[in-house]
Protein backbone atom coordinates (compact mmCIF):
# COMPACT_ATOMS: atom_id res chain seq x y z
CA MET A 1 21.22 37.15 -0.59
CA ASN A 2 24.36 36.75 1.31
CA GLN A 3 22.61 37.84 4.72
CA ASP A 4 19.96 35.04 4.61
CA PHE A 5 20.18 32.60 7.43
CA LEU A 6 18.59 29.77 5.60
CA THR A 7 19.34 29.17 2.13
CA LEU A 8 19.11 26.11 -0.13
CA ASP A 9 22.75 25.47 0.16
CA ASN A 10 22.42 25.66 4.01
CA VAL A 11 19.44 23.51 4.05
CA GLY A 12 21.21 20.84 2.07
CA ASN A 13 24.11 20.49 4.18
CA PHE A 14 24.61 17.36 6.58
CA THR A 15 24.37 19.37 9.79
CA PHE A 16 21.01 20.89 9.00
CA GLN A 17 19.60 17.56 7.46
CA LEU A 18 20.49 15.86 10.80
CA PHE A 19 19.09 18.70 12.90
CA ALA A 20 15.92 18.56 10.74
CA VAL A 21 15.33 14.84 11.12
CA VAL A 22 16.06 14.95 14.92
CA ALA A 23 13.56 17.75 15.37
CA ALA A 24 10.73 16.21 13.27
CA THR A 25 11.17 12.94 15.11
CA GLU A 26 11.15 14.78 18.52
CA PHE A 27 7.83 16.64 17.70
CA SER A 28 5.95 13.98 15.65
CA LYS A 29 6.76 10.63 17.45
CA ARG A 30 4.14 11.05 19.94
CA PHE A 31 1.60 11.91 17.44
CA ILE A 32 2.35 9.06 15.09
CA ASN A 33 2.13 6.54 18.07
CA LYS A 34 -1.31 7.97 19.01
CA VAL A 35 -2.56 7.69 15.59
CA CYS A 36 -1.30 4.04 15.53
CA LYS A 37 -3.20 3.46 18.78
CA LEU A 38 -6.47 4.88 17.40
CA LYS A 39 -6.28 2.34 14.55
CA GLY A 40 -6.22 -0.52 17.13
CA LYS A 41 -2.49 -1.37 16.80
CA GLU A 42 -0.93 -2.27 20.15
CA ASN A 43 2.53 -1.84 18.96
CA LYS A 44 4.31 1.54 18.91
CA VAL A 45 6.03 2.53 15.68
CA GLU A 46 9.73 2.13 15.98
CA THR A 47 11.83 5.24 16.21
CA GLU A 48 14.17 3.81 13.64
CA PHE A 49 11.38 3.47 10.99
CA ILE A 50 10.39 7.15 11.66
CA VAL A 51 13.75 8.60 11.42
CA PHE A 52 14.61 6.48 8.16
CA GLY A 53 11.34 7.83 6.75
CA TYR A 54 12.22 11.47 7.32
CA SER A 55 15.74 11.04 6.30
CA LEU A 56 14.55 9.30 2.98
CA ILE A 57 12.11 12.25 2.28
CA LEU A 58 14.84 14.86 3.00
CA SER A 59 17.41 12.92 0.67
CA ILE A 60 14.85 12.60 -2.00
CA ILE A 61 14.14 16.32 -1.89
CA LYS A 62 17.72 17.39 -1.75
CA THR A 63 18.35 15.27 -4.99
CA LEU A 64 15.35 16.53 -6.63
CA SER A 65 16.27 20.13 -5.82
CA ASP A 66 19.59 19.88 -7.57
CA SER A 67 18.50 20.05 -11.20
CA LYS A 68 22.22 19.70 -12.48
CA VAL A 69 22.48 16.37 -10.76
CA LEU A 70 19.16 15.03 -11.60
CA TRP A 71 19.17 15.85 -15.47
CA ASP A 72 22.76 15.71 -16.34
CA ASN A 73 23.16 12.08 -14.82
CA PHE A 74 19.75 10.89 -15.83
CA CYS A 75 21.27 7.70 -17.46
CA ASN A 76 22.81 7.06 -14.12
CA GLY A 77 19.47 6.94 -12.21
CA PHE A 78 20.33 3.74 -10.52
CA ILE A 79 23.39 5.40 -8.89
CA ASN A 80 21.31 8.47 -7.93
CA ILE A 81 18.85 6.02 -6.24
CA LEU A 82 21.45 4.34 -4.60
CA LEU A 83 23.07 7.46 -3.32
CA ILE A 84 19.60 8.63 -1.93
CA PHE A 85 19.35 5.53 0.07
CA MET A 86 23.02 5.62 1.37
CA ASN A 87 22.43 9.25 2.53
CA ALA A 88 19.25 8.52 4.14
CA LEU A 89 20.92 5.46 5.95
CA ILE A 90 23.63 7.65 7.15
CA ILE A 91 21.41 10.55 8.29
CA SER A 92 18.87 8.07 10.05
CA TYR A 93 21.87 6.40 11.88
CA LEU A 94 23.19 9.55 13.37
CA SER A 95 19.88 10.89 13.96
CA THR A 96 18.67 7.84 15.81
CA ALA A 97 21.82 8.30 18.01
CA SER A 98 21.17 11.93 18.68
CA TYR A 99 17.41 11.15 19.36
CA SER A 100 18.33 8.55 21.86
CA LYS A 101 20.75 10.89 23.60
CA ILE A 102 17.98 13.56 23.80
CA ILE A 103 15.61 10.93 25.35
CA GLU A 104 18.24 9.76 27.75
CA ASN A 105 19.07 13.18 28.86
CA ASN A 106 15.38 14.00 29.43
CA LYS A 107 14.78 11.06 31.57
CA ASN A 108 17.80 11.68 33.84
CA PRO A 109 17.16 14.90 35.92
């Protein structure tokens, strides 16, 4: 529908992916660190790894949801895999910068 706020096209755009990764990191980082402490690990999970994981998952979902790209270029699977990692790196790099800015703003009153 033309009046829907969230559509598959909107979810697949770069801005929404960036927002989704930052929001997921913001709401789950403390929980992930608590789980790691329960397992006996003293070190916290680095934010960069969490952000890259979310970016990779989102890039894979976006690629798998576009059946034209997936099946028309199936013989170019290596290129699709490379593009997934490149998209995940770009999104995670910018998301990490955004998340760091949010944390910095929350610490300074």
